[in-house]
Amino acid sequence: MRWINLVLALFVSLLNINGVCADTYPNKPVTIIVPLAPGGISDMTARPLAAALGQVMGQNFIIENRPGAGGAIGAAYAANQKPDGYKLLVALTSMLVIPEAEKVAGKQPSYELSQFIPIAKVAADPVILLVRADSPWKTLDDLIKDAKSRPGNLSYSSSGLYGAIHMPMEMLSQAAAIKLIHVPYQSGGQSMIALLGGQVDMTIQAPGVASQHLKAGKIRVLASFGNERTKNLAEVPTLKELGYDVEFFIWSSMFAPAGTPADIILKLRTAVKQAITEPVFVNAMAGMSAPVAYQDAPELQIAIDNESKRLATIVKRIGKID
């Protein structure tokens, strides 16, 4: 009986220790991994979110950019971190694409979606097709006609192979039966700079990345990939209005490595829900005309399951890229 009592006491003690750890989380700085370079929509969303979470949870949240391979390097790094709540990931829709794209390329996937637990979606925006303000194309029809007359001559920049710019542009190219030159960079910010600098003819961006350049009159929007016109770009038609059955949203969502304790996940879900109402986050998103679009973990998981299947079909259609 004495040994049984000792074992029971030890078991209760361990439970209490685990409970204290969860109750005091976070008791040191938390790192949010962004798998793309600074200047893109994931980075621009993660930074004010980190500031808001710091206010809500009373601890520092630090951004760590780990760009490369369209987000695969940073996502794989995040997937293999200790599941204790101190290494999180803020990623875009493109994270759903990468495992399937790597399989199509004949590679071992650098990570699987099952290695992550969703915490929440915080923003979602239909991407927009952009050209420079001094370009000859005033409408999408102008651009499509020119692309058809000069196949393989017009170029576009992206944030990387199979990324959140490459995918919708391939969808449009297939729908419009045009051939473009793809020039990949490491982030949406870099691909935006390439357009502004004249290195490419067009790009696709989240409105938040394009906002300041639109206000400055440096670029022109030809179409939106949304299912309806957006409030801040009410004059811009959707691709569906223009006769192309194409739709694509860039969302920014937070994840934790699989195996993170359920009580820590719940704490983070609760904190994110509050953080997106904090002025530091709300004002930052409003400043770049990016709508807050909250979705809690259960609903986000359903959306991920559905969207990953749709995007996998598109990746297979694109096929291996040499």
Protein backbone atom coordinates (compact mmCIF):
# COMPACT_ATOMS: atom_id res chain seq x y z
CA MET A 1 0.00 0.00 0.00
CA ARG A 2 2.87 2.30 0.80
CA TRP A 3 4.27 1.88 -2.75
CA ILE A 4 0.84 2.36 -4.30
CA ASN A 5 0.39 5.56 -2.32
CA LEU A 6 3.82 6.79 -3.41
CA VAL A 7 3.02 6.08 -7.06
CA LEU A 8 -0.33 7.84 -6.77
CA ALA A 9 1.31 10.81 -5.05
CA LEU A 10 3.91 11.03 -7.80
CA PHE A 11 1.21 10.84 -10.49
CA VAL A 12 -0.81 13.64 -8.85
CA SER A 13 2.37 15.68 -8.51
CA LEU A 14 3.10 15.33 -12.21
CA LEU A 15 -0.44 16.35 -13.07
CA ASN A 16 -0.07 19.42 -10.90
CA ILE A 17 3.23 20.33 -12.53
CA ASN A 18 1.68 20.05 -15.99
CA GLY A 19 -1.26 22.13 -14.86
CA VAL A 20 1.01 24.87 -13.53
CA CYS A 21 2.92 24.96 -16.82
CA ALA A 22 -0.29 25.42 -18.76
CA ASP A 23 -1.69 27.91 -16.26
CA THR A 24 1.42 30.10 -16.47
CA TYR A 25 1.78 29.93 -20.27
CA PRO A 26 3.39 31.95 -21.69
CA ASN A 27 6.13 32.59 -19.14
CA LYS A 28 8.79 33.49 -21.73
CA PRO A 29 8.81 35.13 -25.19
CA VAL A 30 6.90 33.35 -27.97
CA THR A 31 8.29 33.20 -31.52
CA ILE A 32 5.98 33.52 -34.51
CA ILE A 33 7.61 32.05 -37.60
CA VAL A 34 6.76 33.73 -40.90
CA PRO A 35 7.86 31.52 -43.82
CA LEU A 36 8.27 34.41 -46.25
CA ALA A 37 10.50 37.49 -46.39
CA PRO A 38 9.50 40.84 -44.84
CA GLY A 39 7.20 43.03 -46.91
CA GLY A 40 4.63 40.41 -47.92
CA ILE A 41 1.11 40.08 -46.58
CA SER A 42 2.00 37.27 -44.13
CA ASP A 43 4.71 39.43 -42.55
CA MET A 44 2.54 42.57 -42.60
CA THR A 45 -0.25 40.66 -40.84
CA ALA A 46 1.92 38.75 -38.37
CA ARG A 47 3.67 41.83 -36.96
CA PRO A 48 0.59 43.69 -35.67
CA LEU A 49 -0.88 40.36 -34.57
CA ALA A 50 2.27 39.71 -32.52
CA ALA A 51 1.99 43.16 -30.95
CA ALA A 52 -1.68 42.58 -30.09
CA LEU A 53 -1.00 39.13 -28.64
CA GLY A 54 1.75 40.65 -26.51
CA GLN A 55 -0.77 43.08 -25.05
CA VAL A 56 -3.38 40.37 -24.46
CA MET A 57 -1.06 37.73 -22.98
CA GLY A 58 1.45 39.98 -21.21
CA GLN A 59 4.46 38.44 -22.94
CA ASN A 60 6.64 39.32 -25.93
CA PHE A 61 5.73 37.74 -29.29
CA ILE A 62 8.68 37.91 -31.68
CA ILE A 63 8.59 37.58 -35.47
CA GLU A 64 11.16 35.28 -37.10
CA ASN A 65 11.24 35.37 -40.91
CA ARG A 66 12.43 32.11 -42.50
CA PRO A 67 11.89 32.57 -46.24
CA GLY A 68 12.71 30.20 -49.05
CA ALA A 69 11.11 27.74 -51.48
CA GLY A 70 7.82 29.64 -51.54
CA GLY A 71 7.34 29.16 -47.80
CA ALA A 72 8.32 25.48 -47.60
CA ILE A 73 11.51 26.08 -45.60
CA GLY A 74 9.84 28.13 -42.87
CA ALA A 75 6.79 25.87 -42.64
CA ALA A 76 8.96 22.74 -42.38
CA TYR A 77 11.03 24.40 -39.68
CA ALA A 78 7.87 25.31 -37.73
CA ALA A 79 6.45 21.80 -38.10
CA ASN A 80 9.48 20.31 -36.38
CA GLN A 81 9.64 22.62 -33.38
CA LYS A 82 8.96 21.47 -29.82
CA PRO A 83 5.16 21.45 -29.38
CA ASP A 84 5.07 23.62 -26.26
CA GLY A 85 3.39 26.76 -27.57
CA TYR A 86 6.58 28.81 -27.85
CA LYS A 87 7.09 28.38 -31.60
CA LEU A 88 4.07 29.21 -33.75
CA LEU A 89 3.50 29.77 -37.46
CA VAL A 90 1.61 32.45 -39.37
CA ALA A 91 1.23 31.28 -42.96
CA LEU A 92 -0.74 31.94 -46.11
CA THR A 93 -3.00 29.79 -48.26
CA SER A 94 0.12 28.60 -50.07
CA MET A 95 1.06 26.33 -47.16
CA LEU A 96 -1.77 24.03 -48.30
CA VAL A 97 -0.20 23.70 -51.74
CA ILE A 98 3.44 22.96 -50.95
CA PRO A 99 3.20 19.28 -49.89
CA GLU A 100 1.27 18.35 -53.03
CA ALA A 101 3.56 20.45 -55.23
CA GLU A 102 6.62 18.67 -53.85
CA LYS A 103 5.01 15.30 -54.54
CA VAL A 104 4.29 16.38 -58.14
CA ALA A 105 7.95 17.40 -58.43
CA GLY A 106 8.99 13.90 -57.30
CA LYS A 107 10.28 15.08 -53.93
CA GLN A 108 9.61 13.95 -50.39
CA PRO A 109 7.29 16.60 -48.88
CA SER A 110 9.19 18.84 -46.45
CA TYR A 111 6.15 18.76 -44.18
CA GLU A 112 2.56 17.51 -44.07
CA LEU A 113 -0.51 19.47 -43.02
CA SER A 114 -1.10 16.88 -40.29
CA GLN A 115 1.99 18.28 -38.52
CA PHE A 116 0.06 21.43 -37.61
CA ILE A 117 -2.84 22.32 -35.35
CA PRO A 118 -4.87 25.32 -36.55
CA ILE A 119 -5.38 28.11 -34.03
CA ALA A 120 -7.29 30.72 -36.04
CA LYS A 121 -7.58 32.55 -39.33
CA VAL A 122 -7.19 36.30 -38.84
CA ALA A 123 -7.42 37.78 -42.34
CA ALA A 124 -8.56 36.86 -45.83
CA ASP A 125 -8.52 38.90 -48.99
CA PRO A 126 -9.22 38.18 -52.65
CA VAL A 127 -6.05 38.84 -54.62
CA ILE A 128 -5.96 41.49 -57.34
CA LEU A 129 -4.23 41.63 -60.72
CA LEU A 130 -1.88 44.61 -61.04
CA VAL A 131 0.04 46.41 -63.76
CA ARG A 132 2.01 49.64 -63.61
CA ALA A 133 0.04 52.85 -64.05
CA ASP A 134 2.09 53.69 -67.18
CA SER A 135 1.36 50.33 -68.83
CA PRO A 136 -0.65 50.21 -72.09
CA TRP A 137 -3.32 47.95 -70.54
CA LYS A 138 -6.35 49.77 -69.17
CA THR A 139 -8.55 46.66 -68.80
CA LEU A 140 -8.13 42.93 -68.39
CA ASP A 141 -9.35 42.46 -71.94
CA ASP A 142 -6.48 44.66 -73.18
CA LEU A 143 -3.98 42.50 -71.32
CA ILE A 144 -5.45 39.18 -72.44
CA LYS A 145 -5.55 40.25 -76.09
CA ASP A 146 -1.91 41.37 -75.94
CA ALA A 147 -0.83 38.15 -74.20
CA LYS A 148 -2.56 36.07 -76.86
CA SER A 149 -0.92 38.02 -79.66
CA ARG A 150 2.53 37.56 -78.05
CA PRO A 151 2.53 34.19 -76.28
CA GLY A 152 5.40 33.75 -73.84
CA ASN A 153 6.43 37.43 -73.98
CA LEU A 154 4.64 39.04 -71.04
CA SER A 155 5.95 38.30 -67.55
CA TYR A 156 4.71 38.28 -63.97
CA SER A 157 6.39 38.15 -60.57
CA SER A 158 5.39 35.91 -57.68
CA SER A 159 6.36 35.02 -54.12
CA GLY A 160 7.64 31.60 -55.24
CA LEU A 161 6.74 28.41 -57.09
CA TYR A 162 3.20 27.21 -56.32
CA GLY A 163 2.80 30.15 -53.93
CA ALA A 164 -0.14 32.44 -53.26
CA ILE A 165 0.62 34.48 -56.40
CA HIS A 166 1.79 31.73 -58.73
CA MET A 167 -1.33 29.62 -58.16
CA PRO A 168 -4.00 32.22 -59.02
CA MET A 169 -1.99 33.46 -62.01
CA GLU A 170 -1.79 29.91 -63.34
CA MET A 171 -5.53 29.57 -62.78
CA LEU A 172 -6.16 32.74 -64.82
CA SER A 173 -3.66 31.72 -67.52
CA GLN A 174 -5.44 28.39 -67.96
CA ALA A 175 -8.89 30.00 -68.00
CA ALA A 176 -7.86 32.65 -70.52
CA ALA A 177 -5.65 30.30 -72.60
CA ILE A 178 -2.58 32.55 -72.40
CA LYS A 179 1.12 31.79 -71.85
CA LEU A 180 3.14 34.05 -69.52
CA ILE A 181 6.70 34.08 -68.17
CA HIS A 182 6.85 33.34 -64.43
CA VAL A 183 9.53 35.16 -62.39
CA PRO A 184 9.50 33.89 -58.76
CA TYR A 185 10.84 35.87 -55.78
CA GLN A 186 10.90 35.11 -52.04
CA SER A 187 7.92 37.22 -50.92
CA GLY A 188 4.97 39.24 -52.10
CA GLY A 189 6.87 42.39 -51.15
CA GLN A 190 9.77 41.51 -53.44
CA SER A 191 7.44 40.63 -56.30
CA MET A 192 5.71 43.99 -55.83
CA ILE A 193 9.06 45.78 -56.06
CA ALA A 194 9.80 43.87 -59.28
CA LEU A 195 6.62 45.24 -60.84
CA LEU A 196 7.30 48.80 -59.69
CA GLY A 197 10.87 48.58 -60.98
CA GLY A 198 9.82 47.37 -64.42
CA GLN A 199 11.39 43.91 -64.12
CA VAL A 200 8.02 42.30 -64.92
CA ASP A 201 4.80 43.34 -66.65
CA MET A 202 2.29 42.33 -63.99
CA THR A 203 1.78 40.67 -60.64
CA ILE A 204 -0.95 39.50 -58.29
CA GLN A 205 -1.09 40.78 -54.73
CA ALA A 206 -3.23 41.00 -51.65
CA PRO A 207 -4.71 44.52 -51.53
CA GLY A 208 -2.75 45.17 -48.32
CA VAL A 209 0.59 44.87 -50.13
CA ALA A 210 -0.63 47.01 -53.03
CA SER A 211 -2.46 49.66 -50.95
CA GLN A 212 0.25 52.31 -50.59
CA HIS A 213 1.24 52.03 -54.26
CA LEU A 214 -2.39 52.36 -55.37
CA LYS A 215 -2.76 55.50 -53.26
CA ALA A 216 0.44 56.87 -54.81
CA GLY A 217 -0.93 56.23 -58.31
CA LYS A 218 1.94 53.93 -59.29
CA ILE A 219 -0.13 50.88 -60.23
CA ARG A 220 -3.48 49.97 -61.79
CA VAL A 221 -5.86 47.18 -60.77
CA LEU A 222 -7.36 45.23 -63.67
CA ALA A 223 -9.43 42.61 -61.84
CA SER A 224 -10.21 40.98 -58.51
CA PHE A 225 -10.15 37.24 -57.81
CA GLY A 226 -12.99 37.55 -55.27
CA ASN A 227 -16.51 36.19 -55.50
CA GLU A 228 -17.86 39.75 -55.36
CA ARG A 229 -16.49 43.27 -55.61
CA THR A 230 -14.66 44.48 -52.50
CA LYS A 231 -15.68 47.57 -50.59
CA ASN A 232 -12.37 49.40 -50.99
CA LEU A 233 -12.12 48.56 -54.72
CA ALA A 234 -15.75 48.82 -55.74
CA GLU A 235 -14.83 49.97 -59.26
CA VAL A 236 -12.75 46.84 -59.94
CA PRO A 237 -14.62 43.94 -61.61
CA THR A 238 -14.18 40.35 -60.54
CA LEU A 239 -12.84 37.74 -62.94
CA LYS A 240 -16.19 36.00 -62.79
CA GLU A 241 -17.90 39.18 -63.96
CA LEU A 242 -15.46 39.26 -66.87
CA GLY A 243 -16.25 35.69 -67.89
CA TYR A 244 -13.45 33.73 -66.16
CA ASP A 245 -14.48 31.14 -63.58
CA VAL A 246 -11.53 31.84 -61.27
CA GLU A 247 -11.56 32.66 -57.55
CA PHE A 248 -8.67 32.88 -55.09
CA PHE A 249 -8.27 34.32 -51.61
CA ILE A 250 -5.07 34.82 -49.62
CA TRP A 251 -5.71 34.12 -45.97
CA SER A 252 -3.35 34.51 -43.05
CA SER A 253 -3.73 31.91 -40.30
CA MET A 254 -1.90 30.89 -37.16
CA PHE A 255 -0.81 27.32 -36.42
CA ALA A 256 1.03 25.38 -33.71
CA PRO A 257 3.06 22.18 -34.14
CA ALA A 258 1.02 19.00 -33.72
CA GLY A 259 1.27 17.68 -30.18
CA THR A 260 0.93 21.09 -28.53
CA PRO A 261 -1.16 20.57 -25.37
CA ALA A 262 -4.88 21.19 -25.82
CA ASP A 263 -5.06 23.68 -22.96
CA ILE A 264 -2.31 25.82 -24.52
CA ILE A 265 -4.08 25.67 -27.89
CA LEU A 266 -7.29 26.83 -26.18
CA LYS A 267 -5.41 29.68 -24.52
CA LEU A 268 -4.00 30.77 -27.87
CA ARG A 269 -7.40 30.53 -29.58
CA THR A 270 -8.93 32.73 -26.89
CA ALA A 271 -6.03 35.20 -27.06
CA VAL A 272 -6.14 35.50 -30.85
CA LYS A 273 -9.89 36.13 -30.78
CA GLN A 274 -9.26 39.04 -28.43
CA ALA A 275 -6.08 40.22 -30.17
CA ILE A 276 -7.81 40.88 -33.50
CA THR A 277 -10.04 43.45 -31.73
CA GLU A 278 -7.07 45.35 -30.27
CA PRO A 279 -6.44 48.79 -31.86
CA VAL A 280 -2.84 47.93 -32.74
CA PHE A 281 -4.10 45.12 -35.01
CA VAL A 282 -7.32 46.72 -36.25
CA ASN A 283 -5.60 49.97 -37.21
CA ALA A 284 -2.72 48.20 -38.96
CA MET A 285 -5.10 46.15 -41.07
CA ALA A 286 -7.28 49.17 -41.87
CA GLY A 287 -4.18 51.12 -42.86
CA MET A 288 -3.43 48.64 -45.63
CA SER A 289 -7.10 48.11 -46.56
CA ALA A 290 -6.94 44.47 -45.47
CA PRO A 291 -10.12 43.10 -43.89
CA VAL A 292 -10.01 41.21 -40.62
CA ALA A 293 -11.62 37.80 -41.22
CA TYR A 294 -11.61 35.73 -38.05
CA GLN A 295 -12.26 31.99 -38.12
CA ASP A 296 -11.81 29.77 -35.07
CA ALA A 297 -9.92 26.47 -35.19
CA PRO A 298 -12.79 24.02 -35.88
CA GLU A 299 -14.15 26.04 -38.82
CA LEU A 300 -10.64 26.73 -40.09
CA GLN A 301 -9.84 23.01 -40.10
CA ILE A 302 -12.91 22.31 -42.25
CA ALA A 303 -11.90 25.09 -44.65
CA ILE A 304 -8.34 23.71 -44.84
CA ASP A 305 -9.59 20.22 -45.64
CA ASN A 306 -11.79 21.52 -48.47
CA GLU A 307 -9.34 24.06 -49.91
CA SER A 308 -6.35 21.70 -49.85
CA LYS A 309 -8.26 19.23 -52.01
CA ARG A 310 -9.23 21.94 -54.53
CA LEU A 311 -5.69 23.30 -54.72
CA ALA A 312 -4.18 19.82 -55.05
CA THR A 313 -6.24 19.34 -58.21
CA ILE A 314 -4.88 22.61 -59.64
CA VAL A 315 -1.29 21.68 -58.76
CA LYS A 316 -1.65 18.37 -60.58
CA ARG A 317 -3.02 20.23 -63.58
CA ILE A 318 0.00 22.58 -63.59
CA GLY A 319 2.31 19.58 -63.24
CA LYS A 320 6.03 19.42 -62.60
CA ILE A 321 7.96 22.65 -63.17
CA ASP A 322 11.58 22.25 -64.22
